[in-house]
N, C-alpha and C. Protein backbone atom coordinates (compact mmCIF):
# COMPACT_ATOMS: atom_id res chain seq x y z
N UNK A 1 -20.40 3.72 0.95
CA UNK A 1 -19.72 3.79 -0.17
C UNK A 1 -20.07 4.44 -1.66
N UNK A 2 -18.58 5.15 -2.33
CA UNK A 2 -19.12 5.76 -3.36
C UNK A 2 -18.85 4.74 -4.34
N UNK A 3 -19.70 5.19 -5.46
CA UNK A 3 -20.29 3.89 -6.91
C UNK A 3 -19.75 5.12 -7.68
N UNK A 4 -19.12 4.11 -8.58
CA UNK A 4 -18.60 4.76 -10.02
C UNK A 4 -18.45 4.20 -11.55
N UNK A 5 -19.55 4.47 -12.54
CA UNK A 5 -20.20 3.69 -13.06
C UNK A 5 -20.33 2.50 -13.04
N UNK A 6 -21.26 2.34 -12.14
CA UNK A 6 -21.60 0.63 -12.02
C UNK A 6 -20.60 0.49 -11.38
N UNK A 7 -19.51 1.12 -10.57
CA UNK A 7 -18.54 0.08 -9.72
C UNK A 7 -17.82 0.26 -8.72
N UNK A 8 -17.91 -0.96 -7.60
CA UNK A 8 -18.03 -0.18 -6.39
C UNK A 8 -16.14 -0.06 -6.04
N UNK A 9 -16.38 0.98 -5.22
CA UNK A 9 -15.00 1.41 -4.96
C UNK A 9 -14.81 1.62 -3.52
N UNK A 10 -12.92 1.33 -3.29
CA UNK A 10 -13.08 1.30 -1.14
C UNK A 10 -12.14 2.30 -1.01
N UNK A 11 -11.95 2.57 -0.01
CA UNK A 11 -11.19 3.59 0.43
C UNK A 11 -10.15 2.92 1.35
N UNK A 12 -8.69 3.20 0.31
CA UNK A 12 -7.84 2.97 1.21
C UNK A 12 -6.29 3.49 0.83
N UNK A 13 -5.73 3.29 2.44
CA UNK A 13 -4.70 4.10 2.59
C UNK A 13 -4.11 2.94 2.45
N UNK A 14 -2.41 3.10 1.98
CA UNK A 14 -1.27 2.70 1.86
C UNK A 14 -0.63 3.86 2.80
N UNK A 15 0.25 2.63 3.85
CA UNK A 15 1.16 3.64 4.66
C UNK A 15 2.79 2.60 4.23
N UNK A 16 3.91 3.09 4.32
CA UNK A 16 5.28 2.28 4.81
C UNK A 16 6.07 2.71 5.22
N UNK A 17 7.47 2.32 6.22
CA UNK A 17 8.17 2.11 6.79
C UNK A 17 9.09 2.81 6.53
N UNK A 18 9.93 3.13 5.71
CA UNK A 18 11.02 3.43 4.76
C UNK A 18 11.76 4.90 5.91
N UNK A 19 13.14 4.63 6.07
CA UNK A 19 13.84 5.67 6.45
C UNK A 19 14.48 6.46 4.66
N UNK A 20 14.18 7.79 5.41
CA UNK A 20 14.50 8.82 4.19
C UNK A 20 15.72 9.74 4.65
N UNK A 21 16.41 10.08 3.66
CA UNK A 21 17.32 11.20 4.15
C UNK A 21 16.92 13.06 4.44
N UNK A 22 16.73 13.83 4.76
CA UNK A 22 16.75 15.18 4.70
C UNK A 22 16.27 15.53 2.93
N UNK A 23 14.84 15.90 2.11
CA UNK A 23 14.90 16.14 0.97
C UNK A 23 14.36 15.27 -0.01
N UNK A 24 14.46 13.64 0.97
CA UNK A 24 13.97 12.73 0.04
C UNK A 24 12.71 12.91 0.10
N UNK A 25 12.22 12.11 -0.66
CA UNK A 25 10.48 11.83 -0.61
C UNK A 25 10.01 10.62 -1.43
N UNK A 26 8.67 9.62 -0.85
CA UNK A 26 8.46 8.83 -1.33
C UNK A 26 7.41 8.81 -1.80
N UNK A 27 7.15 7.69 -3.22
CA UNK A 27 5.79 7.77 -3.63
C UNK A 27 5.82 6.47 -4.07
N UNK A 28 4.28 6.26 -4.95
CA UNK A 28 3.91 4.96 -5.18
C UNK A 28 3.25 4.98 -6.60
N UNK A 29 3.30 3.82 -7.29
CA UNK A 29 2.53 3.63 -8.37
C UNK A 29 2.14 1.83 -8.89
N UNK A 30 1.39 1.94 -9.78
CA UNK A 30 0.90 0.52 -9.79
C UNK A 30 0.18 0.51 -11.55
N UNK A 31 -0.10 -0.15 -11.78
CA UNK A 31 -0.81 -1.17 -12.64
C UNK A 31 -1.76 -0.33 -13.34
N UNK A 32 -3.04 0.17 -11.97
CA UNK A 32 -4.59 0.75 -12.83
C UNK A 32 -4.24 1.98 -12.41
N UNK A 33 -5.58 2.72 -13.00
CA UNK A 33 -5.60 4.42 -13.32
C UNK A 33 -5.62 4.80 -11.66
N UNK A 34 -6.19 4.35 -10.97
CA UNK A 34 -5.92 5.50 -9.79
C UNK A 34 -4.30 4.98 -8.69
N UNK A 35 -3.34 3.73 -9.75
CA UNK A 35 -2.47 4.10 -8.73
C UNK A 35 -1.43 4.46 -10.18
N UNK A 36 -2.05 5.14 -11.20
CA UNK A 36 -1.47 5.55 -11.98
C UNK A 36 -0.52 5.22 -13.31
N UNK A 37 -0.52 4.22 -13.72
CA UNK A 37 -0.29 3.21 -14.25
C UNK A 37 0.38 3.56 -14.63
N UNK A 38 1.63 2.83 -14.09
CA UNK A 38 2.92 3.05 -14.18
C UNK A 38 3.64 4.55 -14.80
N UNK A 39 3.15 5.72 -14.06
CA UNK A 39 3.25 6.69 -15.10
C UNK A 39 4.02 7.76 -14.08
N UNK A 40 5.35 7.32 -13.97
CA UNK A 40 6.09 7.81 -13.21
C UNK A 40 6.13 9.82 -12.78
N UNK A 41 5.63 10.16 -13.63
CA UNK A 41 5.19 11.53 -13.97
C UNK A 41 3.97 11.48 -13.63
N UNK A 42 3.08 10.16 -13.04
CA UNK A 42 1.78 10.68 -12.21
C UNK A 42 1.94 10.26 -10.92
N UNK A 43 3.15 9.88 -9.69
CA UNK A 43 3.50 9.15 -8.98
C UNK A 43 1.88 9.67 -8.28
N UNK A 44 1.90 9.01 -7.01
CA UNK A 44 1.57 9.21 -5.72
C UNK A 44 1.94 9.89 -4.65
N UNK A 45 2.74 10.57 -4.17
CA UNK A 45 3.28 11.31 -3.32
C UNK A 45 2.85 11.00 -1.86
N UNK A 46 3.61 10.57 -1.15
CA UNK A 46 3.39 10.40 -0.17
C UNK A 46 3.31 11.17 0.98
N UNK A 47 3.25 10.90 1.98
CA UNK A 47 3.50 12.09 2.97
C UNK A 47 4.01 11.88 4.48
N UNK A 48 4.45 12.68 5.61
CA UNK A 48 4.68 11.70 6.96
C UNK A 48 4.27 13.01 7.41
N UNK A 49 3.56 12.17 8.62
CA UNK A 49 2.52 13.40 10.07
C UNK A 49 3.67 13.35 11.02
N UNK A 50 4.13 11.98 11.70
CA UNK A 50 5.04 11.90 12.96
C UNK A 50 6.15 11.09 12.72
N UNK A 51 6.95 11.73 11.14
CA UNK A 51 8.23 10.25 11.01
C UNK A 51 9.09 10.92 12.32
N UNK A 52 9.66 9.85 12.89
CA UNK A 52 11.46 9.95 13.40
C UNK A 52 11.91 8.50 13.18
N UNK A 53 13.06 8.62 13.33
CA UNK A 53 15.04 7.45 13.04
C UNK A 53 13.82 6.80 13.53
N UNK A 54 12.78 6.34 14.63
CA UNK A 54 13.20 5.06 15.35
C UNK A 54 11.45 4.47 14.56
N UNK A 55 10.09 5.81 14.18
CA UNK A 55 9.07 5.47 13.01
C UNK A 55 9.23 6.15 12.06
N UNK A 56 9.34 5.48 11.13
CA UNK A 56 9.39 6.51 9.70
C UNK A 56 8.76 6.01 8.36
N UNK A 57 7.33 6.53 8.95
CA UNK A 57 6.23 6.37 8.46
C UNK A 57 5.80 7.14 7.34
N UNK A 58 5.76 6.51 6.80
CA UNK A 58 5.18 7.33 5.13
C UNK A 58 3.83 6.59 4.35
N UNK A 59 2.70 7.35 4.99
CA UNK A 59 1.52 7.16 3.88
C UNK A 59 0.64 7.60 2.83
N UNK A 60 -0.05 7.20 1.94
CA UNK A 60 -1.17 7.82 1.31
C UNK A 60 -1.85 8.69 1.47
N UNK A 61 -2.53 9.40 0.62
CA UNK A 61 -3.36 10.31 1.32
C UNK A 61 -5.40 9.32 0.71
N UNK A 62 -6.19 9.58 1.19
CA UNK A 62 -7.46 7.98 1.12
C UNK A 62 -7.60 8.06 -0.73
N UNK A 63 -7.14 6.79 -1.02
CA UNK A 63 -7.69 6.85 -2.04
C UNK A 63 -8.84 5.84 -2.33
N UNK A 64 -9.35 6.24 -3.69
CA UNK A 64 -10.53 4.69 -4.26
C UNK A 64 -10.03 3.96 -5.25
N UNK A 65 -10.13 2.86 -4.60
CA UNK A 65 -9.82 1.93 -5.34
C UNK A 65 -10.89 0.84 -5.87
N UNK A 66 -11.11 -0.46 -6.52
CA UNK A 66 -12.26 -0.63 -7.69
C UNK A 66 -11.81 -2.27 -6.61
N UNK A 67 -13.41 -1.89 -5.46
CA UNK A 67 -13.71 -3.67 -5.25
C UNK A 67 -13.04 -4.31 -6.78
N UNK A 68 -12.70 -6.17 -5.95
CA UNK A 68 -12.35 -6.95 -7.59
C UNK A 68 -10.96 -6.68 -7.59
N UNK A 69 -10.94 -5.21 -8.18
CA UNK A 69 -8.71 -5.52 -8.92
C UNK A 69 -8.00 -6.46 -8.28
N UNK A 70 -7.57 -6.71 -9.52
CA UNK A 70 -6.35 -7.18 -9.06
C UNK A 70 -5.20 -6.46 -8.99
N UNK A 71 -4.55 -5.86 -8.27
CA UNK A 71 -3.34 -4.86 -8.24
C UNK A 71 -1.84 -4.97 -7.98
N UNK A 72 -1.60 -4.51 -8.56
CA UNK A 72 0.54 -4.97 -8.05
C UNK A 72 0.69 -3.11 -8.49
N UNK A 73 1.81 -3.09 -7.22
CA UNK A 73 2.30 -1.51 -7.26
C UNK A 73 4.18 -1.36 -6.90
N UNK A 74 4.42 -0.36 -6.62
CA UNK A 74 5.64 -0.48 -5.85
C UNK A 74 6.06 1.05 -5.57
N UNK A 75 6.39 1.15 -4.47
CA UNK A 75 7.19 2.60 -3.80
C UNK A 75 8.61 3.02 -4.86
N UNK A 76 8.81 4.40 -4.43
CA UNK A 76 10.44 4.92 -4.59
C UNK A 76 10.45 5.66 -3.98
N UNK A 77 11.53 6.10 -3.48
CA UNK A 77 12.33 7.28 -3.32
C UNK A 77 12.89 8.48 -3.95
N UNK A 78 12.71 8.86 -4.40
CA UNK A 78 13.13 10.52 -4.61
C UNK A 78 13.89 11.15 -4.33
N UNK A 79 15.19 11.86 -5.11
CA UNK A 79 16.26 11.87 -3.94
C UNK A 79 16.24 13.11 -4.38
N UNK A 80 17.02 14.15 -3.51
CA UNK A 80 17.00 15.77 -3.50
C UNK A 80 18.06 15.87 -4.64
N UNK A 81 18.67 15.40 -6.11
CA UNK A 81 19.22 15.26 -7.06
C UNK A 81 17.62 14.72 -7.62
N UNK A 82 16.52 14.47 -7.67
CA UNK A 82 15.66 13.90 -8.49
C UNK A 82 15.98 12.42 -9.07
N UNK A 83 16.86 12.16 -8.39
CA UNK A 83 17.45 10.55 -8.65
C UNK A 83 16.38 9.44 -8.10
N UNK A 84 15.49 8.58 -8.79
CA UNK A 84 15.14 7.80 -8.58
C UNK A 84 15.07 6.92 -7.89
N UNK A 85 14.97 6.43 -6.74
CA UNK A 85 15.55 4.77 -6.16
C UNK A 85 14.54 4.43 -6.19
N UNK A 86 14.02 3.05 -6.20
CA UNK A 86 13.21 1.94 -6.66
C UNK A 86 13.30 0.78 -5.18
N UNK A 87 12.33 1.19 -5.23
CA UNK A 87 11.85 -0.29 -3.68
C UNK A 87 12.50 -2.07 -4.26
N UNK A 88 13.90 -2.41 -3.86
CA UNK A 88 13.65 -3.34 -4.31
C UNK A 88 13.51 -4.99 -3.55
N UNK A 89 12.48 -5.44 -4.31
CA UNK A 89 11.89 -6.85 -4.06
C UNK A 89 12.08 -8.39 -4.87
N UNK A 90 12.35 -9.44 -4.01
CA UNK A 90 12.90 -10.23 -4.40
C UNK A 90 12.84 -10.81 -5.63
N UNK A 91 13.80 -11.17 -6.89
CA UNK A 91 13.56 -11.52 -7.76
C UNK A 91 12.84 -10.80 -8.61
N UNK A 92 12.85 -9.30 -7.94
CA UNK A 92 12.15 -8.30 -8.97
C UNK A 92 10.82 -8.43 -9.01
N UNK A 93 10.42 -8.85 -8.24
CA UNK A 93 8.37 -8.64 -8.38
C UNK A 93 7.92 -7.50 -7.81
N UNK A 94 6.61 -7.14 -8.11
CA UNK A 94 5.89 -6.34 -7.45
C UNK A 94 4.83 -6.00 -6.08
N UNK A 95 4.49 -5.43 -5.28
CA UNK A 95 3.62 -5.80 -4.80
C UNK A 95 2.53 -5.91 -5.34
N UNK A 96 1.86 -7.43 -4.71
CA UNK A 96 0.32 -7.38 -6.02
C UNK A 96 -0.85 -7.71 -4.28
N UNK A 97 -1.36 -7.21 -5.38
CA UNK A 97 -3.26 -7.92 -3.90
C UNK A 97 -4.17 -7.51 -4.91
N UNK A 98 -5.00 -8.64 -4.48
CA UNK A 98 -6.08 -8.24 -4.99
C UNK A 98 -7.68 -7.67 -3.98
N UNK A 99 -8.09 -6.50 -3.93
CA UNK A 99 -9.50 -6.23 -3.71
C UNK A 99 -10.19 -6.68 -3.16
N UNK A 100 -10.43 -7.77 -2.29
CA UNK A 100 -11.31 -8.18 -2.79
C UNK A 100 -12.35 -7.88 -0.88
N UNK A 101 -11.93 -7.26 -0.19
CA UNK A 101 -12.65 -6.81 1.08
C UNK A 101 -13.59 -5.66 0.59
N UNK A 102 -14.37 -5.57 1.73
CA UNK A 102 -15.26 -4.33 1.60
C UNK A 102 -15.73 -3.46 2.24
N UNK A 103 -14.66 -3.45 3.06
CA UNK A 103 -13.93 -2.62 4.49
C UNK A 103 -12.94 -1.18 4.22
N UNK A 104 -13.13 0.08 3.98
CA UNK A 104 -12.45 0.45 3.90
C UNK A 104 -10.78 -0.41 4.70
N UNK A 105 -10.05 0.31 3.86
CA UNK A 105 -8.42 -0.26 4.60
C UNK A 105 -7.09 0.43 5.15
N UNK A 106 -5.99 -0.30 5.49
CA UNK A 106 -5.00 0.19 5.38
C UNK A 106 -3.98 -0.58 5.09
N UNK A 107 -2.90 0.02 4.04
CA UNK A 107 -2.06 -1.28 3.71
C UNK A 107 -0.45 -0.95 4.54
N UNK A 108 -0.02 -1.76 5.21
CA UNK A 108 0.82 -0.94 5.68
C UNK A 108 2.54 -2.15 4.52
N UNK A 109 3.48 -1.32 4.43
CA UNK A 109 4.43 -2.68 3.58
C UNK A 109 6.27 -1.85 4.77
N UNK A 110 6.51 -2.59 4.66
CA UNK A 110 8.36 -1.84 5.08
C UNK A 110 9.03 -2.06 3.91
N UNK A 111 9.83 -1.21 3.36
CA UNK A 111 10.28 -1.10 2.06
C UNK A 111 11.05 -1.78 2.06
N UNK A 112 11.49 -2.57 0.47
CA UNK A 112 12.41 -3.15 0.07
C UNK A 112 11.87 -5.23 0.84
N UNK A 113 10.45 -5.03 1.62
CA UNK A 113 10.37 -6.46 2.15
C UNK A 113 8.68 -6.66 0.90
N UNK A 114 8.32 -7.64 1.35
CA UNK A 114 7.20 -8.26 0.22
C UNK A 114 6.39 -8.57 1.81
N UNK A 115 6.26 -8.47 3.00
CA UNK A 115 5.47 -8.30 3.92
C UNK A 115 3.99 -7.19 3.90
N UNK A 116 3.16 -7.50 4.47
CA UNK A 116 2.41 -6.24 5.03
C UNK A 116 1.10 -6.69 5.73
N UNK A 117 0.79 -5.75 6.29
CA UNK A 117 -0.02 -5.55 6.74
C UNK A 117 -1.48 -4.91 7.07
N UNK A 118 -2.24 -5.33 6.72
CA UNK A 118 -3.30 -5.26 6.14
C UNK A 118 -4.34 -4.87 7.58
N UNK A 119 -5.18 -3.55 8.19
CA UNK A 119 -5.98 -3.20 8.45
C UNK A 119 -7.52 -2.67 8.08
N UNK A 120 -8.78 -3.98 8.23
CA UNK A 120 -9.74 -3.29 7.13
C UNK A 120 -10.84 -2.07 8.94
N UNK A 121 -11.10 -1.85 8.43
CA UNK A 121 -11.97 -0.48 8.81
C UNK A 121 -13.90 -0.99 8.50
N UNK A 122 -14.22 -1.43 10.03
CA UNK A 122 -15.73 -1.71 10.05
C UNK A 122 -16.37 -0.44 10.40
N UNK A 123 -17.52 -0.36 9.90
CA UNK A 123 -17.93 0.38 10.56
C UNK A 123 -19.62 -0.21 10.62
N UNK A 124 -20.25 0.31 11.82
CA UNK A 124 -21.76 -0.08 12.36
C UNK A 124 -22.43 0.62 12.77
N UNK A 125 -23.18 0.22 12.01
CA UNK A 125 -24.33 2.09 12.05
C UNK A 125 -25.19 1.62 13.48
N UNK A 126 -25.44 1.13 14.87
CA UNK A 126 -25.01 1.49 16.09
C UNK A 126 -23.90 2.04 16.78
N UNK A 127 -22.94 1.79 16.55
CA UNK A 127 -21.77 2.60 17.27
C UNK A 127 -21.27 3.64 16.05
N UNK A 128 -20.90 4.80 16.45
CA UNK A 128 -20.55 5.73 14.65
C UNK A 128 -18.87 5.38 14.89
N UNK A 129 -18.45 4.25 16.39
CA UNK A 129 -16.85 4.11 16.46
C UNK A 129 -16.20 3.80 15.54
N UNK A 130 -15.50 3.79 14.97
CA UNK A 130 -14.80 2.96 13.70
C UNK A 130 -13.98 1.77 14.23
N UNK A 131 -14.29 0.29 14.49
CA UNK A 131 -13.75 -1.54 14.30
C UNK A 131 -13.79 -1.12 13.49
N UNK A 132 -11.85 -2.02 14.10
CA UNK A 132 -11.43 -2.74 13.31
C UNK A 132 -10.45 -4.43 13.31
N UNK A 133 -10.11 -5.32 12.54
CA UNK A 133 -9.63 -6.30 12.27
C UNK A 133 -8.43 -6.10 11.45
N UNK A 134 -7.41 -6.49 12.21
CA UNK A 134 -6.21 -5.95 11.52
C UNK A 134 -5.84 -7.81 11.26
N UNK A 135 -5.37 -8.06 10.28
CA UNK A 135 -4.05 -9.14 10.03
C UNK A 135 -2.69 -9.23 9.17
N UNK A 136 -1.68 -9.85 9.66
CA UNK A 136 -0.41 -9.65 8.94
C UNK A 136 -0.56 -11.03 7.51
N UNK A 137 -0.32 -10.54 6.59
CA UNK A 137 0.05 -10.58 5.22
C UNK A 137 1.57 -11.19 4.72
N UNK A 138 2.49 -12.07 4.94
CA UNK A 138 3.49 -12.94 4.93
C UNK A 138 4.02 -13.36 3.83
N UNK A 139 4.61 -12.95 2.55
CA UNK A 139 4.85 -13.60 1.85
C UNK A 139 6.72 -14.20 1.32
N UNK A 140 6.31 -15.75 0.62
CA UNK A 140 7.89 -16.41 1.01
C UNK A 140 7.51 -16.32 -0.39
N UNK A 141 9.02 -16.61 -1.10
CA UNK A 141 9.00 -16.60 -2.35
C UNK A 141 9.81 -18.50 -2.10
N UNK A 142 9.52 -19.68 -2.61
CA UNK A 142 10.28 -20.79 -2.62
C UNK A 142 10.49 -20.51 -3.30
N UNK A 143 11.31 -21.83 -3.35
CA UNK A 143 12.41 -21.94 -4.39
C UNK A 143 12.23 -22.26 -5.87
N UNK A 144 10.90 -22.95 -5.96
CA UNK A 144 9.90 -23.52 -7.05
C UNK A 144 9.78 -22.28 -7.73
N UNK A 145 9.45 -21.52 -7.68
CA UNK A 145 9.18 -19.88 -7.69
C UNK A 145 7.70 -20.05 -7.58
N UNK A 146 7.11 -20.41 -6.91
CA UNK A 146 6.09 -20.62 -5.98
C UNK A 146 5.88 -18.97 -5.17
N UNK A 147 4.84 -18.91 -4.98
CA UNK A 147 4.15 -18.04 -4.13
C UNK A 147 3.68 -18.42 -2.47
N UNK A 148 4.36 -18.17 -1.19
CA UNK A 148 3.60 -18.74 -0.20
C UNK A 148 3.06 -17.63 1.00
N UNK A 149 1.56 -17.41 0.75
CA UNK A 149 1.39 -16.51 1.56
C UNK A 149 0.12 -17.22 3.14
N UNK A 150 0.79 -16.45 4.22
CA UNK A 150 0.55 -16.54 4.93
C UNK A 150 -0.36 -15.66 5.51
N UNK A 151 -1.29 -16.10 6.70
CA UNK A 151 -2.48 -14.61 6.65
C UNK A 151 -2.88 -15.06 8.16
N UNK A 152 -2.64 -13.80 9.13
CA UNK A 152 -2.74 -14.17 10.45
C UNK A 152 -3.03 -13.07 11.67
N UNK A 153 -4.11 -13.33 11.90
CA UNK A 153 -4.74 -11.68 12.98
C UNK A 153 -3.74 -11.55 13.76
N UNK A 154 -3.69 -10.43 13.99
CA UNK A 154 -2.68 -9.51 15.35
C UNK A 154 -3.37 -9.99 16.03
């Protein structure tokens, strides 16, 4: 694990399923320095590996985020004409997450929903192959404006 000014950092990859048109790109930005402090000019450009219309998956490079950080973030599309199309979440919310895990993680979203899947990558000294635990976090916004989170293993 890498150390920066006495703070522990964790490796995180953000993934999102989002259908795009030819020439459009997806970006990520958020409330901490590692996520560009909401600066659109410094937003993190996502990329595709095996994009298909059946599986339109975009992902970030591996990012180093501070453990115990409370982050808020959002995705947006940039069109061929350089227009920004923001991900619309219920009641104008942003995605939010506390980085309270110590294993490298992949966080997967579906554009325009608050549901996320988190896969923690555990590395064991005796076995060089990575093992992982997956769970899905589903967020519901209730009528009383409280958020209900349900976490269940996959």
